[in-house]
Amino acid sequence: YKENMREELINEYEEWTNELEERESKVEEREKKL
């Protein structure tokens, strides 16, 4: 179960970083448009 918990945490962290990158890229695109 410890291994499973670690994997879940890593997966959640990766999803969170992906979401952040997507938001940053959207923000950058808007800035460029502006």
PDB file of all heavy atoms in Angstrom:
ATOM      1  N   TYR A   1       0.818  -1.208   0.000  1.00  0.00           N
ATOM      2  CA  TYR A   1       0.000   0.000   0.000  1.00  0.00           C
ATOM      3  C   TYR A   1       0.858   1.267   0.000  1.00  0.00           C
ATOM      4  O   TYR A   1       0.465   2.295  -0.547  1.00  0.00           O
ATOM      5  CB  TYR A   1      -0.979   0.004   1.182  1.00  0.00           C
ATOM      6  CG  TYR A   1      -0.397   0.405   2.503  1.00  0.00           C
ATOM      7  CD1 TYR A   1      -0.557   1.697   2.974  1.00  0.00           C
ATOM      8  CD2 TYR A   1       0.305  -0.496   3.278  1.00  0.00           C
ATOM      9  CE1 TYR A   1      -0.017   2.068   4.189  1.00  0.00           C
ATOM     10  CE2 TYR A   1       0.837  -0.131   4.487  1.00  0.00           C
ATOM     11  CZ  TYR A   1       0.681   1.152   4.945  1.00  0.00           C
ATOM     12  OH  TYR A   1       1.199   1.527   6.140  1.00  0.00           O
ATOM     13  N   LYS A   2       2.071   1.212   0.565  1.00  0.00           N
ATOM     14  CA  LYS A   2       2.939   2.399   0.566  1.00  0.00           C
ATOM     15  C   LYS A   2       3.352   2.749  -0.857  1.00  0.00           C
ATOM     16  O   LYS A   2       3.374   3.926  -1.247  1.00  0.00           O
ATOM     17  CB  LYS A   2       4.174   2.141   1.440  1.00  0.00           C
ATOM     18  CG  LYS A   2       3.872   2.144   2.913  1.00  0.00           C
ATOM     19  CD  LYS A   2       5.133   1.984   3.730  1.00  0.00           C
ATOM     20  CE  LYS A   2       4.804   2.014   5.203  1.00  0.00           C
ATOM     21  NZ  LYS A   2       5.992   1.806   6.047  1.00  0.00           N
ATOM     22  N   GLU A   3       3.654   1.705  -1.596  1.00  0.00           N
ATOM     23  CA  GLU A   3       4.035   1.914  -3.009  1.00  0.00           C
ATOM     24  C   GLU A   3       2.873   2.529  -3.775  1.00  0.00           C
ATOM     25  O   GLU A   3       3.055   3.470  -4.560  1.00  0.00           O
ATOM     26  CB  GLU A   3       4.425   0.553  -3.614  1.00  0.00           C
ATOM     27  CG  GLU A   3       5.034   0.615  -4.990  1.00  0.00           C
ATOM     28  CD  GLU A   3       6.452   1.141  -4.933  1.00  0.00           C
ATOM     29  OE1 GLU A   3       7.144   0.919  -3.926  1.00  0.00           O
ATOM     30  OE2 GLU A   3       6.849   1.778  -5.909  1.00  0.00           O
ATOM     31  N   ASN A   4       1.670   2.004  -3.540  1.00  0.00           N
ATOM     32  CA  ASN A   4       0.479   2.544  -4.209  1.00  0.00           C
ATOM     33  C   ASN A   4       0.245   4.002  -3.831  1.00  0.00           C
ATOM     34  O   ASN A   4      -0.107   4.825  -4.680  1.00  0.00           O
ATOM     35  CB  ASN A   4      -0.751   1.726  -3.844  1.00  0.00           C
ATOM     36  CG  ASN A   4      -0.711   0.330  -4.421  1.00  0.00           C
ATOM     37  OD1 ASN A   4       0.065   0.061  -5.332  1.00  0.00           O
ATOM     38  ND2 ASN A   4      -1.516  -0.567  -3.873  1.00  0.00           N
ATOM     39  N   MET A   5       0.431   4.321  -2.552  1.00  0.00           N
ATOM     40  CA  MET A   5       0.246   5.709  -2.107  1.00  0.00           C
ATOM     41  C   MET A   5       1.259   6.631  -2.791  1.00  0.00           C
ATOM     42  O   MET A   5       0.914   7.732  -3.244  1.00  0.00           O
ATOM     43  CB  MET A   5       0.405   5.812  -0.582  1.00  0.00           C
ATOM     44  CG  MET A   5      -0.795   5.322   0.187  1.00  0.00           C
ATOM     45  SD  MET A   5      -0.549   5.381   1.968  1.00  0.00           S
ATOM     46  CE  MET A   5      -0.474   7.126   2.273  1.00  0.00           C
ATOM     47  N   ARG A   6       2.501   6.190  -2.901  1.00  0.00           N
ATOM     48  CA  ARG A   6       3.548   6.990  -3.546  1.00  0.00           C
ATOM     49  C   ARG A   6       3.190   7.249  -5.005  1.00  0.00           C
ATOM     50  O   ARG A   6       3.297   8.378  -5.501  1.00  0.00           O
ATOM     51  CB  ARG A   6       4.879   6.239  -3.416  1.00  0.00           C
ATOM     52  CG  ARG A   6       6.083   7.122  -3.563  1.00  0.00           C
ATOM     53  CD  ARG A   6       7.402   6.426  -3.258  1.00  0.00           C
ATOM     54  NE  ARG A   6       7.510   6.095  -1.852  1.00  0.00           N
ATOM     55  CZ  ARG A   6       7.710   4.866  -1.384  1.00  0.00           C
ATOM     56  NH1 ARG A   6       7.803   3.849  -2.213  1.00  0.00           N
ATOM     57  NH2 ARG A   6       7.802   4.630  -0.109  1.00  0.00           N
ATOM     58  N   GLU A   7       2.738   6.184  -5.682  1.00  0.00           N
ATOM     59  CA  GLU A   7       2.361   6.332  -7.093  1.00  0.00           C
ATOM     60  C   GLU A   7       1.190   7.303  -7.249  1.00  0.00           C
ATOM     61  O   GLU A   7       1.174   8.134  -8.164  1.00  0.00           O
ATOM     62  CB  GLU A   7       2.002   4.969  -7.688  1.00  0.00           C
ATOM     63  CG  GLU A   7       3.202   4.097  -7.963  1.00  0.00           C
ATOM     64  CD  GLU A   7       2.819   2.748  -8.526  1.00  0.00           C
ATOM     65  OE1 GLU A   7       1.699   2.595  -9.067  1.00  0.00           O
ATOM     66  OE2 GLU A   7       3.644   1.825  -8.401  1.00  0.00           O
ATOM     67  N   GLU A   8       0.227   7.202  -6.355  1.00  0.00           N
ATOM     68  CA  GLU A   8      -0.917   8.114  -6.425  1.00  0.00           C
ATOM     69  C   GLU A   8      -0.476   9.558  -6.229  1.00  0.00           C
ATOM     70  O   GLU A   8      -0.939  10.462  -6.923  1.00  0.00           O
ATOM     71  CB  GLU A   8      -1.959   7.746  -5.355  1.00  0.00           C
ATOM     72  CG  GLU A   8      -2.824   6.584  -5.742  1.00  0.00           C
ATOM     73  CD  GLU A   8      -3.883   6.280  -4.690  1.00  0.00           C
ATOM     74  OE1 GLU A   8      -4.128   7.128  -3.816  1.00  0.00           O
ATOM     75  OE2 GLU A   8      -4.449   5.192  -4.745  1.00  0.00           O
ATOM     76  N   LEU A   9       0.410   9.779  -5.256  1.00  0.00           N
ATOM     77  CA  LEU A   9       0.916  11.135  -5.015  1.00  0.00           C
ATOM     78  C   LEU A   9       1.663  11.673  -6.233  1.00  0.00           C
ATOM     79  O   LEU A   9       1.487  12.834  -6.634  1.00  0.00           O
ATOM     80  CB  LEU A   9       1.833  11.153  -3.788  1.00  0.00           C
ATOM     81  CG  LEU A   9       1.144  11.135  -2.443  1.00  0.00           C
ATOM     82  CD1 LEU A   9       2.159  10.942  -1.327  1.00  0.00           C
ATOM     83  CD2 LEU A   9       0.371  12.431  -2.201  1.00  0.00           C
ATOM     84  N   ILE A  10       2.505  10.820  -6.826  1.00  0.00           N
ATOM     85  CA  ILE A  10       3.262  11.239  -8.012  1.00  0.00           C
ATOM     86  C   ILE A  10       2.313  11.568  -9.153  1.00  0.00           C
ATOM     87  O   ILE A  10       2.459  12.594  -9.843  1.00  0.00           O
ATOM     88  CB  ILE A  10       4.270  10.136  -8.419  1.00  0.00           C
ATOM     89  CG1 ILE A  10       5.380  10.048  -7.370  1.00  0.00           C
ATOM     90  CG2 ILE A  10       4.839  10.385  -9.808  1.00  0.00           C
ATOM     91  CD1 ILE A  10       6.289   8.848  -7.526  1.00  0.00           C
ATOM     92  N   ASN A  11       1.297  10.701  -9.344  1.00  0.00           N
ATOM     93  CA  ASN A  11       0.308  10.951 -10.407  1.00  0.00           C
ATOM     94  C   ASN A  11      -0.438  12.259 -10.178  1.00  0.00           C
ATOM     95  O   ASN A  11      -0.656  13.040 -11.110  1.00  0.00           O
ATOM     96  CB  ASN A  11      -0.682   9.787 -10.507  1.00  0.00           C
ATOM     97  CG  ASN A  11      -0.042   8.540 -11.063  1.00  0.00           C
ATOM     98  OD1 ASN A  11       1.022   8.599 -11.692  1.00  0.00           O
ATOM     99  ND2 ASN A  11      -0.658   7.398 -10.823  1.00  0.00           N
ATOM    100  N   GLU A  12      -0.843  12.501  -8.922  1.00  0.00           N
ATOM    101  CA  GLU A  12      -1.545  13.748  -8.616  1.00  0.00           C
ATOM    102  C   GLU A  12      -0.641  14.952  -8.869  1.00  0.00           C
ATOM    103  O   GLU A  12      -1.090  15.970  -9.401  1.00  0.00           O
ATOM    104  CB  GLU A  12      -2.009  13.750  -7.141  1.00  0.00           C
ATOM    105  CG  GLU A  12      -3.230  12.912  -6.894  1.00  0.00           C
ATOM    106  CD  GLU A  12      -3.651  12.935  -5.432  1.00  0.00           C
ATOM    107  OE1 GLU A  12      -3.295  13.891  -4.717  1.00  0.00           O
ATOM    108  OE2 GLU A  12      -4.337  11.987  -5.016  1.00  0.00           O
ATOM    109  N   TYR A  13       0.636  14.817  -8.478  1.00  0.00           N
ATOM    110  CA  TYR A  13       1.580  15.921  -8.688  1.00  0.00           C
ATOM    111  C   TYR A  13       1.760  16.192 -10.177  1.00  0.00           C
ATOM    112  O   TYR A  13       1.776  17.344 -10.631  1.00  0.00           O
ATOM    113  CB  TYR A  13       2.918  15.579  -8.026  1.00  0.00           C
ATOM    114  CG  TYR A  13       3.954  16.646  -8.218  1.00  0.00           C
ATOM    115  CD1 TYR A  13       3.881  17.841  -7.507  1.00  0.00           C
ATOM    116  CD2 TYR A  13       5.002  16.461  -9.120  1.00  0.00           C
ATOM    117  CE1 TYR A  13       4.826  18.832  -7.698  1.00  0.00           C
ATOM    118  CE2 TYR A  13       5.952  17.441  -9.310  1.00  0.00           C
ATOM    119  CZ  TYR A  13       5.861  18.635  -8.597  1.00  0.00           C
ATOM    120  OH  TYR A  13       6.790  19.604  -8.786  1.00  0.00           O
ATOM    121  N   GLU A  14       1.890  15.128 -10.975  1.00  0.00           N
ATOM    122  CA  GLU A  14       2.055  15.285 -12.419  1.00  0.00           C
ATOM    123  C   GLU A  14       0.829  15.954 -13.034  1.00  0.00           C
ATOM    124  O   GLU A  14       0.952  16.844 -13.883  1.00  0.00           O
ATOM    125  CB  GLU A  14       2.304  13.924 -13.075  1.00  0.00           C
ATOM    126  CG  GLU A  14       3.698  13.400 -12.843  1.00  0.00           C
ATOM    127  CD  GLU A  14       3.904  12.025 -13.446  1.00  0.00           C
ATOM    128  OE1 GLU A  14       2.938  11.444 -14.002  1.00  0.00           O
ATOM    129  OE2 GLU A  14       5.017  11.510 -13.337  1.00  0.00           O
ATOM    130  N   GLU A  15      -0.364  15.514 -12.606  1.00  0.00           N
ATOM    131  CA  GLU A  15      -1.590  16.142 -13.121  1.00  0.00           C
ATOM    132  C   GLU A  15      -1.627  17.618 -12.759  1.00  0.00           C
ATOM    133  O   GLU A  15      -1.987  18.464 -13.577  1.00  0.00           O
ATOM    134  CB  GLU A  15      -2.825  15.433 -12.534  1.00  0.00           C
ATOM    135  CG  GLU A  15      -3.099  14.083 -13.140  1.00  0.00           C
ATOM    136  CD  GLU A  15      -4.293  13.393 -12.480  1.00  0.00           C
ATOM    137  OE1 GLU A  15      -5.090  14.083 -11.804  1.00  0.00           O
ATOM    138  OE2 GLU A  15      -4.409  12.167 -12.625  1.00  0.00           O
ATOM    139  N   TRP A  16      -1.220  17.907 -11.530  1.00  0.00           N
ATOM    140  CA  TRP A  16      -1.235  19.301 -11.077  1.00  0.00           C
ATOM    141  C   TRP A  16      -0.251  20.159 -11.872  1.00  0.00           C
ATOM    142  O   TRP A  16      -0.573  21.256 -12.307  1.00  0.00           O
ATOM    143  CB  TRP A  16      -0.878  19.304  -9.587  1.00  0.00           C
ATOM    144  CG  TRP A  16      -0.884  20.663  -8.967  1.00  0.00           C
ATOM    145  CD1 TRP A  16      -1.950  21.451  -8.728  1.00  0.00           C
ATOM    146  CD2 TRP A  16       0.255  21.368  -8.499  1.00  0.00           C
ATOM    147  NE1 TRP A  16      -1.574  22.611  -8.136  1.00  0.00           N
ATOM    148  CE2 TRP A  16      -0.195  22.585  -7.979  1.00  0.00           C
ATOM    149  CE3 TRP A  16       1.626  21.082  -8.452  1.00  0.00           C
ATOM    150  CZ2 TRP A  16       0.659  23.541  -7.435  1.00  0.00           C
ATOM    151  CZ3 TRP A  16       2.461  22.025  -7.916  1.00  0.00           C
ATOM    152  CH2 TRP A  16       1.988  23.233  -7.408  1.00  0.00           C
ATOM    153  N   THR A  17       0.963  19.612 -12.109  1.00  0.00           N
ATOM    154  CA  THR A  17       1.959  20.369 -12.910  1.00  0.00           C
ATOM    155  C   THR A  17       1.485  20.529 -14.343  1.00  0.00           C
ATOM    156  O   THR A  17       1.677  21.595 -14.952  1.00  0.00           O
ATOM    157  CB  THR A  17       3.335  19.663 -12.886  1.00  0.00           C
ATOM    158  OG1 THR A  17       3.188  18.305 -13.235  1.00  0.00           O
ATOM    159  CG2 THR A  17       3.987  19.792 -11.536  1.00  0.00           C
ATOM    160  N   ASN A  18       0.844  19.497 -14.901  1.00  0.00           N
ATOM    161  CA  ASN A  18       0.312  19.614 -16.259  1.00  0.00           C
ATOM    162  C   ASN A  18      -0.748  20.699 -16.344  1.00  0.00           C
ATOM    163  O   ASN A  18      -0.770  21.493 -17.295  1.00  0.00           O
ATOM    164  CB  ASN A  18      -0.279  18.281 -16.730  1.00  0.00           C
ATOM    165  CG  ASN A  18       0.792  17.258 -17.026  1.00  0.00           C
ATOM    166  OD1 ASN A  18       1.951  17.612 -17.263  1.00  0.00           O
ATOM    167  ND2 ASN A  18       0.412  15.983 -17.008  1.00  0.00           N
ATOM    168  N   GLU A  19      -1.648  20.716 -15.345  1.00  0.00           N
ATOM    169  CA  GLU A  19      -2.688  21.751 -15.313  1.00  0.00           C
ATOM    170  C   GLU A  19      -2.058  23.137 -15.220  1.00  0.00           C
ATOM    171  O   GLU A  19      -2.494  24.081 -15.893  1.00  0.00           O
ATOM    172  CB  GLU A  19      -3.630  21.541 -14.121  1.00  0.00           C
ATOM    173  CG  GLU A  19      -4.643  20.450 -14.341  1.00  0.00           C
ATOM    174  CD  GLU A  19      -5.535  20.256 -13.114  1.00  0.00           C
ATOM    175  OE1 GLU A  19      -5.631  21.183 -12.281  1.00  0.00           O
ATOM    176  OE2 GLU A  19      -6.119  19.163 -12.978  1.00  0.00           O
ATOM    177  N   LEU A  20      -1.018  23.269 -14.385  1.00  0.00           N
ATOM    178  CA  LEU A  20      -0.337  24.561 -14.235  1.00  0.00           C
ATOM    179  C   LEU A  20       0.299  25.001 -15.550  1.00  0.00           C
ATOM    180  O   LEU A  20       0.205  26.171 -15.956  1.00  0.00           O
ATOM    181  CB  LEU A  20       0.741  24.464 -13.161  1.00  0.00           C
ATOM    182  CG  LEU A  20       0.320  24.760 -11.733  1.00  0.00           C
ATOM    183  CD1 LEU A  20       1.486  24.567 -10.786  1.00  0.00           C
ATOM    184  CD2 LEU A  20      -0.216  26.159 -11.577  1.00  0.00           C
ATOM    185  N   GLU A  21       0.963  24.053 -16.206  1.00  0.00           N
ATOM    186  CA  GLU A  21       1.608  24.378 -17.485  1.00  0.00           C
ATOM    187  C   GLU A  21       0.581  24.814 -18.515  1.00  0.00           C
ATOM    188  O   GLU A  21       0.798  25.763 -19.265  1.00  0.00           O
ATOM    189  CB  GLU A  21       2.411  23.177 -17.994  1.00  0.00           C
ATOM    190  CG  GLU A  21       3.695  22.951 -17.228  1.00  0.00           C
ATOM    191  CD  GLU A  21       4.397  21.681 -17.635  1.00  0.00           C
ATOM    192  OE1 GLU A  21       3.913  20.966 -18.552  1.00  0.00           O
ATOM    193  OE2 GLU A  21       5.420  21.362 -17.009  1.00  0.00           O
ATOM    194  N   GLU A  22      -0.559  24.093 -18.536  1.00  0.00           N
ATOM    195  CA  GLU A  22      -1.620  24.479 -19.476  1.00  0.00           C
ATOM    196  C   GLU A  22      -2.126  25.880 -19.184  1.00  0.00           C
ATOM    197  O   GLU A  22      -2.315  26.695 -20.096  1.00  0.00           O
ATOM    198  CB  GLU A  22      -2.784  23.479 -19.387  1.00  0.00           C
ATOM    199  CG  GLU A  22      -2.516  22.179 -20.091  1.00  0.00           C
ATOM    200  CD  GLU A  22      -3.698  21.207 -19.947  1.00  0.00           C
ATOM    201  OE1 GLU A  22      -4.845  21.666 -19.734  1.00  0.00           O
ATOM    202  OE2 GLU A  22      -3.462  20.006 -20.037  1.00  0.00           O
ATOM    203  N   ARG A  23      -2.340  26.179 -17.923  1.00  0.00           N
ATOM    204  CA  ARG A  23      -2.818  27.517 -17.549  1.00  0.00           C
ATOM    205  C   ARG A  23      -1.791  28.584 -17.902  1.00  0.00           C
ATOM    206  O   ARG A  23      -2.141  29.656 -18.408  1.00  0.00           O
ATOM    207  CB  ARG A  23      -3.120  27.563 -16.044  1.00  0.00           C
ATOM    208  CG  ARG A  23      -4.390  26.844 -15.675  1.00  0.00           C
ATOM    209  CD  ARG A  23      -4.671  26.968 -14.208  1.00  0.00           C
ATOM    210  NE  ARG A  23      -5.838  26.203 -13.817  1.00  0.00           N
ATOM    211  CZ  ARG A  23      -6.241  26.024 -12.593  1.00  0.00           C
ATOM    212  NH1 ARG A  23      -5.561  26.555 -11.597  1.00  0.00           N
ATOM    213  NH2 ARG A  23      -7.310  25.308 -12.336  1.00  0.00           N
ATOM    214  N   GLU A  24      -0.517  28.270 -17.637  1.00  0.00           N
ATOM    215  CA  GLU A  24       0.532  29.236 -17.968  1.00  0.00           C
ATOM    216  C   GLU A  24       0.575  29.502 -19.471  1.00  0.00           C
ATOM    217  O   GLU A  24       0.731  30.641 -19.912  1.00  0.00           O
ATOM    218  CB  GLU A  24       1.893  28.728 -17.486  1.00  0.00           C
ATOM    219  CG  GLU A  24       2.095  28.898 -16.006  1.00  0.00           C
ATOM    220  CD  GLU A  24       3.433  28.326 -15.534  1.00  0.00           C
ATOM    221  OE1 GLU A  24       4.216  27.820 -16.367  1.00  0.00           O
ATOM    222  OE2 GLU A  24       3.670  28.375 -14.324  1.00  0.00           O
ATOM    223  N   SER A  25       0.455  28.423 -20.228  1.00  0.00           N
ATOM    224  CA  SER A  25       0.494  28.598 -21.689  1.00  0.00           C
ATOM    225  C   SER A  25      -0.703  29.407 -22.172  1.00  0.00           C
ATOM    226  O   SER A  25      -0.577  30.271 -23.059  1.00  0.00           O
ATOM    227  CB  SER A  25       0.565  27.261 -22.397  1.00  0.00           C
ATOM    228  OG  SER A  25      -0.603  26.517 -22.168  1.00  0.00           O
ATOM    229  N   LYS A  26      -1.872  29.192 -21.573  1.00  0.00           N
ATOM    230  CA  LYS A  26      -3.058  29.973 -21.940  1.00  0.00           C
ATOM    231  C   LYS A  26      -2.876  31.438 -21.574  1.00  0.00           C
ATOM    232  O   LYS A  26      -3.237  32.330 -22.338  1.00  0.00           O
ATOM    233  CB  LYS A  26      -4.295  29.410 -21.254  1.00  0.00           C
ATOM    234  CG  LYS A  26      -4.802  28.127 -21.865  1.00  0.00           C
ATOM    235  CD  LYS A  26      -6.054  27.629 -21.158  1.00  0.00           C
ATOM    236  CE  LYS A  26      -6.532  26.317 -21.758  1.00  0.00           C
ATOM    237  NZ  LYS A  26      -7.683  25.759 -21.044  1.00  0.00           N
ATOM    238  N   VAL A  27      -2.302  31.656 -20.409  1.00  0.00           N
ATOM    239  CA  VAL A  27      -2.047  33.043 -19.974  1.00  0.00           C
ATOM    240  C   VAL A  27      -1.061  33.711 -20.927  1.00  0.00           C
ATOM    241  O   VAL A  27      -1.240  34.869 -21.327  1.00  0.00           O
ATOM    242  CB  VAL A  27      -1.538  33.063 -18.512  1.00  0.00           C
ATOM    243  CG1 VAL A  27      -0.999  34.418 -18.128  1.00  0.00           C
ATOM    244  CG2 VAL A  27      -2.645  32.655 -17.555  1.00  0.00           C
ATOM    245  N   GLU A  28      -0.003  33.005 -21.315  1.00  0.00           N
ATOM    246  CA  GLU A  28       0.990  33.554 -22.233  1.00  0.00           C
ATOM    247  C   GLU A  28       0.358  33.878 -23.587  1.00  0.00           C
ATOM    248  O   GLU A  28       0.655  34.909 -24.212  1.00  0.00           O
ATOM    249  CB  GLU A  28       2.145  32.574 -22.405  1.00  0.00           C
ATOM    250  CG  GLU A  28       3.082  32.547 -21.228  1.00  0.00           C
ATOM    251  CD  GLU A  28       4.182  31.508 -21.381  1.00  0.00           C
ATOM    252  OE1 GLU A  28       4.290  30.870 -22.453  1.00  0.00           O
ATOM    253  OE2 GLU A  28       4.903  31.305 -20.396  1.00  0.00           O
ATOM    254  N   GLU A  29      -0.511  32.986 -24.057  1.00  0.00           N
ATOM    255  CA  GLU A  29      -1.187  33.216 -25.339  1.00  0.00           C
ATOM    256  C   GLU A  29      -2.040  34.478 -25.280  1.00  0.00           C
ATOM    257  O   GLU A  29      -2.046  35.293 -26.199  1.00  0.00           O
ATOM    258  CB  GLU A  29      -2.072  32.007 -25.696  1.00  0.00           C
ATOM    259  CG  GLU A  29      -1.316  30.840 -26.244  1.00  0.00           C
ATOM    260  CD  GLU A  29      -2.233  29.644 -26.535  1.00  0.00           C
ATOM    261  OE1 GLU A  29      -3.446  29.839 -26.762  1.00  0.00           O
ATOM    262  OE2 GLU A  29      -1.727  28.520 -26.505  1.00  0.00           O
ATOM    263  N   ARG A  30      -2.752  34.644 -24.180  1.00  0.00           N
ATOM    264  CA  ARG A  30      -3.598  35.843 -24.027  1.00  0.00           C
ATOM    265  C   ARG A  30      -2.740  37.107 -23.992  1.00  0.00           C
ATOM    266  O   ARG A  30      -3.104  38.116 -24.582  1.00  0.00           O
ATOM    267  CB  ARG A  30      -4.423  35.744 -22.749  1.00  0.00           C
ATOM    268  CG  ARG A  30      -5.604  34.850 -22.888  1.00  0.00           C
ATOM    269  CD  ARG A  30      -6.475  34.922 -21.654  1.00  0.00           C
ATOM    270  NE  ARG A  30      -7.544  33.944 -21.698  1.00  0.00           N
ATOM    271  CZ  ARG A  30      -8.287  33.600 -20.708  1.00  0.00           C
ATOM    272  NH1 ARG A  30      -8.106  34.140 -19.518  1.00  0.00           N
ATOM    273  NH2 ARG A  30      -9.243  32.712 -20.856  1.00  0.00           N
ATOM    274  N   GLU A  31      -1.609  37.005 -23.271  1.00  0.00           N
ATOM    275  CA  GLU A  31      -0.724  38.170 -23.208  1.00  0.00           C
ATOM    276  C   GLU A  31      -0.210  38.543 -24.593  1.00  0.00           C
ATOM    277  O   GLU A  31      -0.127  39.722 -24.967  1.00  0.00           O
ATOM    278  CB  GLU A  31       0.451  37.894 -22.259  1.00  0.00           C
ATOM    279  CG  GLU A  31       0.057  37.946 -20.799  1.00  0.00           C
ATOM    280  CD  GLU A  31       1.219  37.609 -19.874  1.00  0.00           C
ATOM    281  OE1 GLU A  31       2.321  37.257 -20.351  1.00  0.00           O
ATOM    282  OE2 GLU A  31       1.005  37.674 -18.656  1.00  0.00           O
ATOM    283  N   LYS A  32       0.157  37.501 -25.359  1.00  0.00           N
ATOM    284  CA  LYS A  32       0.647  37.757 -26.726  1.00  0.00           C
ATOM    285  C   LYS A  32      -0.433  38.395 -27.585  1.00  0.00           C
ATOM    286  O   LYS A  32      -0.181  39.311 -28.360  1.00  0.00           O
ATOM    287  CB  LYS A  32       1.121  36.445 -27.370  1.00  0.00           C
ATOM    288  CG  LYS A  32       2.455  35.987 -26.854  1.00  0.00           C
ATOM    289  CD  LYS A  32       2.863  34.704 -27.551  1.00  0.00           C
ATOM    290  CE  LYS A  32       4.180  34.200 -26.980  1.00  0.00           C
ATOM    291  NZ  LYS A  32       4.599  32.941 -27.565  1.00  0.00           N
ATOM    292  N   LYS A  33      -1.676  37.896 -27.439  1.00  0.00           N
ATOM    293  CA  LYS A  33      -2.795  38.456 -28.201  1.00  0.00           C
ATOM    294  C   LYS A  33      -3.014  39.906 -27.825  1.00  0.00           C
ATOM    295  O   LYS A  33      -3.229  40.762 -28.690  1.00  0.00           O
ATOM    296  CB  LYS A  33      -4.076  37.662 -27.961  1.00  0.00           C
ATOM    297  CG  LYS A  33      -4.177  36.401 -28.741  1.00  0.00           C
ATOM    298  CD  LYS A  33      -5.528  35.753 -28.505  1.00  0.00           C
ATOM    299  CE  LYS A  33      -5.645  34.434 -29.223  1.00  0.00           C
ATOM    300  NZ  LYS A  33      -6.914  33.777 -28.995  1.00  0.00           N
ATOM    301  N   LEU A  34      -2.918  40.179 -26.556  1.00  0.00           N
ATOM    302  CA  LEU A  34      -3.126  41.554 -26.076  1.00  0.00           C
ATOM    303  C   LEU A  34      -2.030  42.486 -26.603  1.00  0.00           C
ATOM    304  O   LEU A  34      -2.277  43.603 -27.016  1.00  0.00           O
ATOM    305  CB  LEU A  34      -3.152  41.592 -24.535  1.00  0.00           C
ATOM    306  CG  LEU A  34      -4.425  41.122 -23.877  1.00  0.00           C
ATOM    307  CD1 LEU A  34      -4.243  41.062 -22.357  1.00  0.00           C
ATOM    308  CD2 LEU A  34      -5.599  42.052 -24.183  1.00  0.00           C
TER     309      LEU A  34
END
